[in-house]
Amino acid sequence: IVDLLAALSERDERAMIDVLIEWTGTTPV
């Protein structure tokens, strides 16, 4: 959660993608 908020505040797209991908589990994206 902290990484997601930090990525948003710093406009870091890669970091935000990494967090959301981690939440996908086994779902193919």
All heavy atoms as atom14 arrays in JSON, in Angstrom:
{
  "sequence": "IVDLLAALSERDERAMIDVLIEWTGTTPV",
  "atom14_mask": [
    [1, 1, 1, 1, 1, 1, 1, 1, 0, 0, 0, 0, 0, 0],
    [1, 1, 1, 1, 1, 1, 1, 0, 0, 0, 0, 0, 0, 0],
    [1, 1, 1, 1, 1, 1, 1, 1, 0, 0, 0, 0, 0, 0],
    [1, 1, 1, 1, 1, 1, 1, 1, 0, 0, 0, 0, 0, 0],
    [1, 1, 1, 1, 1, 1, 1, 1, 0, 0, 0, 0, 0, 0],
    [1, 1, 1, 1, 1, 0, 0, 0, 0, 0, 0, 0, 0, 0],
    [1, 1, 1, 1, 1, 0, 0, 0, 0, 0, 0, 0, 0, 0],
    [1, 1, 1, 1, 1, 1, 1, 1, 0, 0, 0, 0, 0, 0],
    [1, 1, 1, 1, 1, 1, 0, 0, 0, 0, 0, 0, 0, 0],
    [1, 1, 1, 1, 1, 1, 1, 1, 1, 0, 0, 0, 0, 0],
    [1, 1, 1, 1, 1, 1, 1, 1, 1, 1, 1, 0, 0, 0],
    [1, 1, 1, 1, 1, 1, 1, 1, 0, 0, 0, 0, 0, 0],
    [1, 1, 1, 1, 1, 1, 1, 1, 1, 0, 0, 0, 0, 0],
    [1, 1, 1, 1, 1, 1, 1, 1, 1, 1, 1, 0, 0, 0],
    [1, 1, 1, 1, 1, 0, 0, 0, 0, 0, 0, 0, 0, 0],
    [1, 1, 1, 1, 1, 1, 1, 1, 0, 0, 0, 0, 0, 0],
    [1, 1, 1, 1, 1, 1, 1, 1, 0, 0, 0, 0, 0, 0],
    [1, 1, 1, 1, 1, 1, 1, 1, 0, 0, 0, 0, 0, 0],
    [1, 1, 1, 1, 1, 1, 1, 0, 0, 0, 0, 0, 0, 0],
    [1, 1, 1, 1, 1, 1, 1, 1, 0, 0, 0, 0, 0, 0],
    [1, 1, 1, 1, 1, 1, 1, 1, 0, 0, 0, 0, 0, 0],
    [1, 1, 1, 1, 1, 1, 1, 1, 1, 0, 0, 0, 0, 0],
    [1, 1, 1, 1, 1, 1, 1, 1, 1, 1, 1, 1, 1, 1],
    [1, 1, 1, 1, 1, 1, 1, 0, 0, 0, 0, 0, 0, 0],
    [1, 1, 1, 1, 0, 0, 0, 0, 0, 0, 0, 0, 0, 0],
    [1, 1, 1, 1, 1, 1, 1, 0, 0, 0, 0, 0, 0, 0],
    [1, 1, 1, 1, 1, 1, 1, 0, 0, 0, 0, 0, 0, 0],
    [1, 1, 1, 1, 1, 1, 1, 0, 0, 0, 0, 0, 0, 0],
    [1, 1, 1, 1, 1, 1, 1, 0, 0, 0, 0, 0, 0, 0]
  ],
  "atom14_positions": [
    [[0.84, -1.2, 0.0], [0.0, 0.0, 0.0], [0.88, 1.25, 0.0], [0.63, 2.21, -0.74], [-0.94, 0.0, 1.22], [-1.91, -1.18, 1.13], [-1.72, 1.31, 1.3], [-2.69, -1.41, 2.41], [0.0, 0.0, 0.0], [0.0, 0.0, 0.0], [0.0, 0.0, 0.0], [0.0, 0.0, 0.0], [0.0, 0.0, 0.0], [0.0, 0.0, 0.0]],
    [[1.9, 1.25, 0.84], [2.81, 2.38, 0.89], [3.5, 2.57, -0.45], [3.64, 3.71, -0.95], [3.85, 2.18, 2.01], [4.94, 3.23, 1.94], [3.16, 2.23, 3.38], [0.0, 0.0, 0.0], [0.0, 0.0, 0.0], [0.0, 0.0, 0.0], [0.0, 0.0, 0.0], [0.0, 0.0, 0.0], [0.0, 0.0, 0.0], [0.0, 0.0, 0.0]],
    [[3.94, 1.48, -1.08], [4.6, 1.56, -2.38], [3.65, 2.15, -3.43], [4.07, 2.94, -4.29], [5.06, 0.18, -2.84], [6.24, -0.33, -2.01], [6.92, 0.51, -1.39], [6.46, -1.56, -1.98], [0.0, 0.0, 0.0], [0.0, 0.0, 0.0], [0.0, 0.0, 0.0], [0.0, 0.0, 0.0], [0.0, 0.0, 0.0], [0.0, 0.0, 0.0]],
    [[2.38, 1.75, -3.36], [1.41, 2.26, -4.32], [1.21, 3.76, -4.15], [1.21, 4.51, -5.14], [0.08, 1.52, -4.14], [-1.05, 1.92, -5.09], [-0.72, 1.52, -6.52], [-2.38, 1.29, -4.67], [0.0, 0.0, 0.0], [0.0, 0.0, 0.0], [0.0, 0.0, 0.0], [0.0, 0.0, 0.0], [0.0, 0.0, 0.0], [0.0, 0.0, 0.0]],
    [[1.06, 4.21, -2.92], [0.86, 5.64, -2.67], [2.11, 6.43, -3.02], [2.03, 7.54, -3.58], [0.48, 5.85, -1.21], [-0.88, 5.27, -0.79], [-1.06, 5.36, 0.72], [-2.02, 6.0, -1.5], [0.0, 0.0, 0.0], [0.0, 0.0, 0.0], [0.0, 0.0, 0.0], [0.0, 0.0, 0.0], [0.0, 0.0, 0.0], [0.0, 0.0, 0.0]],
    [[3.28, 5.87, -2.69], [4.53, 6.55, -3.04], [4.7, 6.64, -4.55], [5.13, 7.67, -5.08], [5.71, 5.81, -2.42], [0.0, 0.0, 0.0], [0.0, 0.0, 0.0], [0.0, 0.0, 0.0], [0.0, 0.0, 0.0], [0.0, 0.0, 0.0], [0.0, 0.0, 0.0], [0.0, 0.0, 0.0], [0.0, 0.0, 0.0], [0.0, 0.0, 0.0]],
    [[4.35, 5.57, -5.26], [4.45, 5.59, -6.73], [3.52, 6.64, -7.32], [3.88, 7.33, -8.28], [4.1, 4.21, -7.28], [0.0, 0.0, 0.0], [0.0, 0.0, 0.0], [0.0, 0.0, 0.0], [0.0, 0.0, 0.0], [0.0, 0.0, 0.0], [0.0, 0.0, 0.0], [0.0, 0.0, 0.0], [0.0, 0.0, 0.0], [0.0, 0.0, 0.0]],
    [[2.34, 6.78, -6.72], [1.4, 7.77, -7.22], [1.91, 9.18, -6.97], [1.84, 10.05, -7.85], [0.04, 7.57, -6.55], [-1.09, 8.46, -7.06], [-1.44, 8.12, -8.5], [-2.33, 8.29, -6.18], [0.0, 0.0, 0.0], [0.0, 0.0, 0.0], [0.0, 0.0, 0.0], [0.0, 0.0, 0.0], [0.0, 0.0, 0.0], [0.0, 0.0, 0.0]],
    [[2.45, 9.43, -5.77], [2.93, 10.78, -5.46], [4.14, 11.16, -6.29], [4.34, 12.32, -6.62], [3.25, 10.87, -3.96], [4.31, 9.99, -3.64], [0.0, 0.0, 0.0], [0.0, 0.0, 0.0], [0.0, 0.0, 0.0], [0.0, 0.0, 0.0], [0.0, 0.0, 0.0], [0.0, 0.0, 0.0], [0.0, 0.0, 0.0], [0.0, 0.0, 0.0]],
    [[4.97, 10.15, -6.65], [6.18, 10.41, -7.44], [5.98, 10.2, -8.93], [6.92, 10.3, -9.71], [7.31, 9.5, -6.94], [7.69, 9.77, -5.49], [8.67, 8.71, -4.97], [9.12, 7.87, -5.78], [8.98, 8.74, -3.76], [0.0, 0.0, 0.0], [0.0, 0.0, 0.0], [0.0, 0.0, 0.0], [0.0, 0.0, 0.0], [0.0, 0.0, 0.0]],
    [[4.72, 9.86, -9.31], [4.39, 9.61, -10.73], [5.28, 8.51, -11.31], [5.75, 8.59, -12.44], [4.5, 10.88, -11.56], [3.81, 12.12, -11.01], [2.32, 11.91, -10.79], [1.61, 13.15, -10.52], [1.23, 13.57, -9.33], [1.55, 12.85, -8.25], [0.54, 14.68, -9.17], [0.0, 0.0, 0.0], [0.0, 0.0, 0.0], [0.0, 0.0, 0.0]],
    [[5.48, 7.46, -10.52], [6.34, 6.34, -10.93], [5.46, 5.22, -11.49], [4.9, 4.41, -10.74], [7.15, 5.85, -9.74], [8.21, 4.81, -10.13], [8.09, 4.24, -11.23], [9.13, 4.57, -9.33], [0.0, 0.0, 0.0], [0.0, 0.0, 0.0], [0.0, 0.0, 0.0], [0.0, 0.0, 0.0], [0.0, 0.0, 0.0], [0.0, 0.0, 0.0]],
    [[5.33, 5.16, -12.82], [4.45, 4.18, -13.45], [4.93, 2.75, -13.2], [4.14, 1.86, -12.93], [4.38, 4.45, -14.95], [3.78, 5.8, -15.31], [3.83, 6.05, -16.81], [4.1, 5.09, -17.56], [3.59, 7.2, -17.23], [0.0, 0.0, 0.0], [0.0, 0.0, 0.0], [0.0, 0.0, 0.0], [0.0, 0.0, 0.0], [0.0, 0.0, 0.0]],
    [[6.23, 2.53, -13.3], [6.77, 1.18, -13.17], [6.49, 0.61, -11.79], [6.09, -0.56, -11.64], [8.28, 1.2, -13.43], [8.97, -0.15, -13.48], [8.53, -0.94, -14.68], [7.55, -1.96, -14.35], [6.89, -2.67, -15.24], [7.07, -2.44, -16.54], [6.02, -3.58, -14.88], [0.0, 0.0, 0.0], [0.0, 0.0, 0.0], [0.0, 0.0, 0.0]],
    [[6.69, 1.43, -10.76], [6.45, 0.97, -9.39], [4.98, 0.65, -9.17], [4.63, -0.33, -8.5], [6.93, 2.01, -8.39], [0.0, 0.0, 0.0], [0.0, 0.0, 0.0], [0.0, 0.0, 0.0], [0.0, 0.0, 0.0], [0.0, 0.0, 0.0], [0.0, 0.0, 0.0], [0.0, 0.0, 0.0], [0.0, 0.0, 0.0], [0.0, 0.0, 0.0]],
    [[4.11, 1.46, -9.75], [2.67, 1.22, -9.6], [2.25, -0.07, -10.3], [1.46, -0.86, -9.77], [1.89, 2.4, -10.16], [0.4, 2.35, -9.88], [-0.42, 3.88, -10.35], [-2.08, 3.57, -9.73], [0.0, 0.0, 0.0], [0.0, 0.0, 0.0], [0.0, 0.0, 0.0], [0.0, 0.0, 0.0], [0.0, 0.0, 0.0], [0.0, 0.0, 0.0]],
    [[2.8, -0.32, -11.48], [2.5, -1.55, -12.21], [2.96, -2.76, -11.41], [2.25, -3.77, -11.31], [3.17, -1.53, -13.6], [2.5, -0.46, -14.48], [3.08, -2.89, -14.27], [3.22, -0.23, -15.8], [0.0, 0.0, 0.0], [0.0, 0.0, 0.0], [0.0, 0.0, 0.0], [0.0, 0.0, 0.0], [0.0, 0.0, 0.0], [0.0, 0.0, 0.0]],
    [[4.15, -2.66, -10.82], [4.68, -3.79, -10.05], [3.75, -4.17, -8.9], [3.53, -5.36, -8.63], [6.08, -3.45, -9.51], [7.13, -3.38, -10.62], [6.86, -3.93, -11.7], [8.19, -2.77, -10.39], [0.0, 0.0, 0.0], [0.0, 0.0, 0.0], [0.0, 0.0, 0.0], [0.0, 0.0, 0.0], [0.0, 0.0, 0.0], [0.0, 0.0, 0.0]],
    [[3.21, -3.16, -8.2], [2.32, -3.45, -7.08], [1.03, -4.09, -7.56], [0.58, -5.11, -7.03], [2.01, -2.16, -6.29], [0.96, -2.44, -5.21], [3.27, -1.61, -5.65], [0.0, 0.0, 0.0], [0.0, 0.0, 0.0], [0.0, 0.0, 0.0], [0.0, 0.0, 0.0], [0.0, 0.0, 0.0], [0.0, 0.0, 0.0], [0.0, 0.0, 0.0]],
    [[0.42, -3.51, -8.6], [-0.85, -4.04, -9.08], [-0.69, -5.43, -9.68], [-1.57, -6.28, -9.53], [-1.46, -3.07, -10.11], [-1.88, -1.71, -9.57], [-2.43, -0.83, -10.68], [-2.91, -1.87, -8.46], [0.0, 0.0, 0.0], [0.0, 0.0, 0.0], [0.0, 0.0, 0.0], [0.0, 0.0, 0.0], [0.0, 0.0, 0.0], [0.0, 0.0, 0.0]],
    [[0.42, -5.68, -10.37], [0.68, -7.01, -10.91], [0.82, -8.03, -9.78], [0.38, -9.17, -9.88], [1.94, -7.01, -11.8], [1.68, -6.25, -13.11], [2.39, -8.44, -12.1], [0.66, -6.91, -14.02], [0.0, 0.0, 0.0], [0.0, 0.0, 0.0], [0.0, 0.0, 0.0], [0.0, 0.0, 0.0], [0.0, 0.0, 0.0], [0.0, 0.0, 0.0]],
    [[1.43, -7.58, -8.67], [1.59, -8.48, -7.52], [0.23, -8.91, -6.98], [0.08, -10.04, -6.48], [2.39, -7.76, -6.42], [2.71, -8.61, -5.21], [3.69, -9.73, -5.52], [4.49, -9.59, -6.47], [3.63, -10.77, -4.83], [0.0, 0.0, 0.0], [0.0, 0.0, 0.0], [0.0, 0.0, 0.0], [0.0, 0.0, 0.0], [0.0, 0.0, 0.0]],
    [[-0.76, -8.03, -7.09], [-2.1, -8.35, -6.59], [-2.88, -9.26, -7.52], [-3.93, -9.77, -7.13], [-2.88, -7.06, -6.36], [-2.37, -6.26, -5.2], [-1.52, -6.68, -4.23], [-2.67, -4.89, -4.89], [-1.26, -5.67, -3.33], [-1.95, -4.56, -3.72], [-3.45, -3.92, -5.48], [-2.02, -3.3, -3.13], [-3.53, -2.67, -4.9], [-2.81, -2.35, -3.73]],
    [[-2.44, -9.45, -8.74], [-3.19, -10.26, -9.7], [-3.12, -11.74, -9.36], [-3.99, -12.51, -9.78], [-2.66, -10.06, -11.13], [-1.3, -10.53, -11.21], [-2.72, -8.6, -11.53], [0.0, 0.0, 0.0], [0.0, 0.0, 0.0], [0.0, 0.0, 0.0], [0.0, 0.0, 0.0], [0.0, 0.0, 0.0], [0.0, 0.0, 0.0], [0.0, 0.0, 0.0]],
    [[-2.1, -12.16, -8.62], [-1.95, -13.58, -8.31], [-1.68, -14.38, -9.56], [-0.74, -14.1, -10.31], [0.0, 0.0, 0.0], [0.0, 0.0, 0.0], [0.0, 0.0, 0.0], [0.0, 0.0, 0.0], [0.0, 0.0, 0.0], [0.0, 0.0, 0.0], [0.0, 0.0, 0.0], [0.0, 0.0, 0.0], [0.0, 0.0, 0.0], [0.0, 0.0, 0.0]],
    [[-2.55, -15.37, -9.83], [-2.38, -16.22, -11.0], [-3.14, -15.72, -12.22], [-3.11, -16.37, -13.26], [-2.85, -17.65, -10.67], [-4.23, -17.62, -10.26], [-2.01, -18.26, -9.55], [0.0, 0.0, 0.0], [0.0, 0.0, 0.0], [0.0, 0.0, 0.0], [0.0, 0.0, 0.0], [0.0, 0.0, 0.0], [0.0, 0.0, 0.0], [0.0, 0.0, 0.0]],
    [[-3.82, -14.59, -12.1], [-4.6, -14.08, -13.23], [-3.66, -13.58, -14.34], [-2.8, -12.73, -14.09], [-5.5, -12.91, -12.77], [-6.31, -13.35, -11.68], [-6.38, -12.44, -13.91], [0.0, 0.0, 0.0], [0.0, 0.0, 0.0], [0.0, 0.0, 0.0], [0.0, 0.0, 0.0], [0.0, 0.0, 0.0], [0.0, 0.0, 0.0], [0.0, 0.0, 0.0]],
    [[-3.8, -14.1, -15.56], [-2.94, -13.62, -16.66], [-3.31, -12.2, -17.06], [-4.49, -11.85, -17.15], [-3.24, -14.62, -17.8], [-4.6, -15.16, -17.49], [-4.72, -15.17, -16.0], [0.0, 0.0, 0.0], [0.0, 0.0, 0.0], [0.0, 0.0, 0.0], [0.0, 0.0, 0.0], [0.0, 0.0, 0.0], [0.0, 0.0, 0.0], [0.0, 0.0, 0.0]],
    [[-2.31, -11.38, -17.28], [-2.53, -9.97, -17.62], [-1.62, -9.6, -18.79], [-0.45, -10.0, -18.83], [-2.22, -9.06, -16.41], [-2.37, -7.59, -16.79], [-3.14, -9.39, -15.25], [0.0, 0.0, 0.0], [0.0, 0.0, 0.0], [0.0, 0.0, 0.0], [0.0, 0.0, 0.0], [0.0, 0.0, 0.0], [0.0, 0.0, 0.0], [0.0, 0.0, 0.0]]
  ]
}
